[in-house]
N, C-alpha and C. Protein backbone atom coordinates (compact mmCIF):
# COMPACT_ATOMS: atom_id res chain seq x y z
N UNK A 1 74.24 118.30 165.04
CA UNK A 1 75.40 118.89 164.40
C UNK A 1 74.93 119.76 163.24
N UNK A 2 75.27 121.02 163.26
CA UNK A 2 74.89 121.94 162.19
C UNK A 2 76.03 122.02 161.18
N UNK A 3 75.67 121.86 159.92
CA UNK A 3 76.66 121.99 158.87
C UNK A 3 76.77 123.45 158.45
N UNK A 4 77.94 123.82 158.00
CA UNK A 4 78.18 125.17 157.52
C UNK A 4 77.30 125.45 156.31
N UNK A 5 76.76 126.66 156.23
CA UNK A 5 75.93 127.02 155.08
C UNK A 5 76.81 127.18 153.85
N UNK A 6 76.33 126.64 152.72
CA UNK A 6 77.06 126.70 151.45
C UNK A 6 76.07 127.00 150.34
N UNK A 7 76.51 127.74 149.34
CA UNK A 7 75.63 127.95 148.18
C UNK A 7 75.39 126.63 147.45
N UNK A 8 74.24 126.52 146.83
CA UNK A 8 73.87 125.30 146.10
C UNK A 8 74.92 124.93 145.06
N UNK A 9 75.45 125.90 144.35
CA UNK A 9 76.42 125.61 143.29
C UNK A 9 77.69 124.95 143.82
N UNK A 10 77.97 125.07 145.13
CA UNK A 10 79.14 124.40 145.71
C UNK A 10 78.85 122.94 146.08
N UNK A 11 77.59 122.55 146.06
CA UNK A 11 77.22 121.19 146.44
C UNK A 11 76.84 120.35 145.22
N UNK A 12 76.15 120.96 144.27
CA UNK A 12 75.71 120.22 143.07
C UNK A 12 76.93 119.66 142.34
N UNK A 13 76.82 118.43 141.91
CA UNK A 13 77.84 117.68 141.18
C UNK A 13 78.97 117.13 142.05
N UNK A 14 78.90 117.34 143.37
CA UNK A 14 79.89 116.71 144.25
C UNK A 14 79.60 115.21 144.36
N UNK A 15 80.65 114.45 144.49
CA UNK A 15 80.53 113.02 144.67
C UNK A 15 80.06 112.73 146.09
N UNK A 16 79.07 111.84 146.22
CA UNK A 16 78.56 111.42 147.52
C UNK A 16 79.17 110.05 147.82
N UNK A 17 79.82 109.95 148.98
CA UNK A 17 80.45 108.69 149.39
C UNK A 17 80.05 108.38 150.83
N UNK A 18 80.12 107.09 151.17
CA UNK A 18 79.90 106.70 152.56
C UNK A 18 81.19 106.96 153.34
N UNK A 19 81.12 106.94 154.65
CA UNK A 19 82.33 107.15 155.44
C UNK A 19 83.32 106.01 155.25
N UNK A 20 82.83 104.88 154.71
CA UNK A 20 83.71 103.75 154.39
C UNK A 20 84.33 103.89 153.00
N UNK A 21 83.94 104.94 152.25
CA UNK A 21 84.53 105.21 150.94
C UNK A 21 83.77 104.64 149.76
N UNK A 22 82.59 104.12 149.97
CA UNK A 22 81.80 103.58 148.85
C UNK A 22 81.10 104.73 148.13
N UNK A 23 81.22 104.74 146.80
CA UNK A 23 80.62 105.79 145.98
C UNK A 23 79.12 105.54 145.82
N UNK A 24 78.34 106.62 145.98
CA UNK A 24 76.89 106.51 145.83
C UNK A 24 76.38 107.20 144.57
N UNK A 25 77.02 108.27 144.17
CA UNK A 25 76.58 109.02 142.99
C UNK A 25 76.96 110.47 143.14
N UNK A 26 76.40 111.31 142.28
CA UNK A 26 76.67 112.75 142.30
C UNK A 26 75.42 113.50 142.74
N UNK A 27 75.62 114.62 143.43
CA UNK A 27 74.49 115.45 143.84
C UNK A 27 73.88 116.10 142.61
N UNK A 28 72.61 115.84 142.39
CA UNK A 28 71.89 116.47 141.28
C UNK A 28 71.20 117.74 141.75
N UNK A 29 70.59 117.66 142.92
CA UNK A 29 69.81 118.77 143.45
C UNK A 29 69.60 118.55 144.93
N UNK A 30 69.01 119.53 145.57
CA UNK A 30 68.64 119.39 146.98
C UNK A 30 67.18 119.77 147.13
N UNK A 31 66.56 119.32 148.20
CA UNK A 31 65.24 119.81 148.57
C UNK A 31 65.38 120.40 149.97
N UNK A 32 64.62 121.46 150.19
CA UNK A 32 64.72 122.16 151.47
C UNK A 32 63.38 122.75 151.84
N UNK A 33 63.24 123.07 153.10
CA UNK A 33 62.04 123.72 153.62
C UNK A 33 62.13 125.20 153.23
N UNK A 34 61.17 125.66 152.44
CA UNK A 34 61.26 127.02 151.90
C UNK A 34 61.14 128.11 152.96
N UNK A 35 60.42 127.86 154.03
CA UNK A 35 60.26 128.89 155.07
C UNK A 35 61.51 129.05 155.93
N UNK A 36 62.17 127.94 156.22
CA UNK A 36 63.33 128.00 157.12
C UNK A 36 64.66 127.86 156.40
N UNK A 37 64.63 127.33 155.18
CA UNK A 37 65.87 127.08 154.46
C UNK A 37 66.56 125.80 154.90
N UNK A 38 65.91 125.03 155.75
CA UNK A 38 66.49 123.79 156.27
C UNK A 38 66.61 122.74 155.17
N UNK A 39 67.81 122.17 155.02
CA UNK A 39 68.05 121.12 154.04
C UNK A 39 67.31 119.86 154.46
N UNK A 40 66.56 119.26 153.54
CA UNK A 40 65.81 118.05 153.83
C UNK A 40 66.48 116.81 153.25
N UNK A 41 66.91 116.92 151.99
CA UNK A 41 67.51 115.75 151.34
C UNK A 41 68.28 116.15 150.10
N UNK A 42 69.15 115.24 149.68
CA UNK A 42 69.89 115.38 148.44
C UNK A 42 69.28 114.44 147.42
N UNK A 43 69.26 114.84 146.17
CA UNK A 43 68.85 113.98 145.09
C UNK A 43 70.09 113.63 144.29
N UNK A 44 70.25 112.35 143.97
CA UNK A 44 71.45 111.89 143.28
C UNK A 44 71.22 111.66 141.80
N UNK A 45 72.26 111.88 141.03
CA UNK A 45 72.28 111.46 139.62
C UNK A 45 73.43 110.47 139.49
N UNK A 46 73.37 109.68 138.45
CA UNK A 46 74.41 108.68 138.19
C UNK A 46 74.64 107.78 139.41
N UNK A 47 73.53 107.32 140.00
CA UNK A 47 73.63 106.44 141.17
C UNK A 47 74.37 105.16 140.77
N UNK A 48 75.24 104.70 141.64
CA UNK A 48 76.02 103.49 141.38
C UNK A 48 75.17 102.24 141.64
N UNK A 49 75.67 101.12 141.19
CA UNK A 49 74.99 99.84 141.44
C UNK A 49 74.90 99.60 142.94
N UNK A 50 75.94 99.98 143.69
CA UNK A 50 75.93 99.83 145.14
C UNK A 50 74.76 100.60 145.74
N UNK A 51 74.53 101.81 145.27
CA UNK A 51 73.44 102.65 145.76
C UNK A 51 72.10 102.00 145.49
N UNK A 52 71.93 101.48 144.29
CA UNK A 52 70.66 100.85 143.94
C UNK A 52 70.37 99.64 144.82
N UNK A 53 71.40 98.95 145.28
CA UNK A 53 71.23 97.80 146.17
C UNK A 53 70.85 98.18 147.59
N UNK A 54 71.00 99.46 147.94
CA UNK A 54 70.64 99.91 149.29
C UNK A 54 69.13 100.11 149.46
N UNK A 55 68.40 100.08 148.35
CA UNK A 55 66.94 100.26 148.38
C UNK A 55 66.54 101.57 149.05
N UNK A 56 67.19 102.65 148.65
CA UNK A 56 66.84 103.97 149.18
C UNK A 56 65.56 104.47 148.53
N UNK A 57 64.97 105.47 149.16
CA UNK A 57 63.76 106.09 148.63
C UNK A 57 64.06 106.70 147.26
N UNK A 58 63.07 106.63 146.37
CA UNK A 58 63.18 107.22 145.03
C UNK A 58 62.09 108.26 144.86
N UNK A 59 62.38 109.31 144.08
CA UNK A 59 61.36 110.28 143.73
C UNK A 59 60.50 109.70 142.61
N UNK A 60 59.47 110.41 142.23
CA UNK A 60 58.62 109.95 141.12
C UNK A 60 59.40 109.91 139.81
N UNK A 61 60.49 110.70 139.72
CA UNK A 61 61.36 110.69 138.53
C UNK A 61 62.49 109.67 138.66
N UNK A 62 62.39 108.78 139.67
CA UNK A 62 63.37 107.70 139.89
C UNK A 62 64.75 108.21 140.32
N UNK A 63 64.79 109.37 140.96
CA UNK A 63 66.05 109.89 141.51
C UNK A 63 66.21 109.35 142.93
N UNK A 64 67.42 108.98 143.28
CA UNK A 64 67.71 108.45 144.61
C UNK A 64 67.72 109.60 145.62
N UNK A 65 67.08 109.37 146.76
CA UNK A 65 66.98 110.38 147.82
C UNK A 65 67.92 110.01 148.96
N UNK A 66 68.76 110.97 149.36
CA UNK A 66 69.65 110.81 150.51
C UNK A 66 69.18 111.77 151.59
N UNK A 67 68.71 111.28 152.74
CA UNK A 67 68.20 112.15 153.79
C UNK A 67 69.30 112.99 154.44
N UNK A 68 68.92 114.20 154.84
CA UNK A 68 69.86 115.14 155.46
C UNK A 68 70.54 114.54 156.69
N UNK A 69 69.79 113.80 157.50
CA UNK A 69 70.37 113.30 158.76
C UNK A 69 71.50 112.31 158.55
N UNK A 70 71.70 111.85 157.32
CA UNK A 70 72.80 110.92 157.05
C UNK A 70 74.10 111.64 156.67
N UNK A 71 74.03 112.94 156.42
CA UNK A 71 75.22 113.70 155.99
C UNK A 71 76.14 113.93 157.18
N UNK A 72 77.40 113.54 157.01
CA UNK A 72 78.41 113.73 158.06
C UNK A 72 79.21 115.00 157.78
N UNK A 73 79.62 115.18 156.53
CA UNK A 73 80.48 116.32 156.18
C UNK A 73 80.31 116.66 154.70
N UNK A 74 80.56 117.93 154.40
CA UNK A 74 80.58 118.39 153.01
C UNK A 74 81.89 119.12 152.81
N UNK A 75 82.70 118.59 151.91
CA UNK A 75 83.99 119.18 151.59
C UNK A 75 84.25 118.92 150.12
N UNK A 76 85.34 118.25 149.82
CA UNK A 76 85.59 117.83 148.44
C UNK A 76 84.55 116.80 148.01
N UNK A 77 84.02 116.06 148.97
CA UNK A 77 82.97 115.07 148.77
C UNK A 77 81.86 115.35 149.77
N UNK A 78 80.69 114.79 149.52
CA UNK A 78 79.64 114.76 150.53
C UNK A 78 79.75 113.39 151.18
N UNK A 79 80.04 113.36 152.46
CA UNK A 79 80.23 112.10 153.17
C UNK A 79 78.97 111.80 153.99
N UNK A 80 78.47 110.58 153.83
CA UNK A 80 77.26 110.18 154.54
C UNK A 80 77.52 108.93 155.36
N UNK A 81 76.70 108.73 156.36
CA UNK A 81 76.75 107.54 157.19
C UNK A 81 75.79 106.51 156.61
N UNK A 82 76.35 105.38 156.16
CA UNK A 82 75.51 104.35 155.56
C UNK A 82 74.48 103.81 156.55
N UNK A 83 74.83 103.77 157.83
CA UNK A 83 73.89 103.28 158.86
C UNK A 83 72.64 104.15 158.91
N UNK A 84 72.78 105.45 158.63
CA UNK A 84 71.64 106.36 158.68
C UNK A 84 70.83 106.37 157.38
N UNK A 85 71.31 105.67 156.37
CA UNK A 85 70.59 105.60 155.09
C UNK A 85 69.51 104.54 155.10
N UNK A 86 69.76 103.45 155.83
CA UNK A 86 68.83 102.32 155.79
C UNK A 86 68.01 102.20 157.05
């Protein structure tokens, strides 16, 4: 499933939630493949206690990493599949 292309400024600071409605945090930044522009992952700020309990990958700066393949939709929120996170 290909997601619609959006400028970074439309994604940064959006709330990330699971499809069940659990809050994970806010989008701080994204990482992408520079040659293709392919989105690789989202980095979260203000991660919730629920997010910390999921034991997701962390960057060296202790930012929570959300893999691209877990993203279901981007609209008012970034919706992810919790099953694809763990």
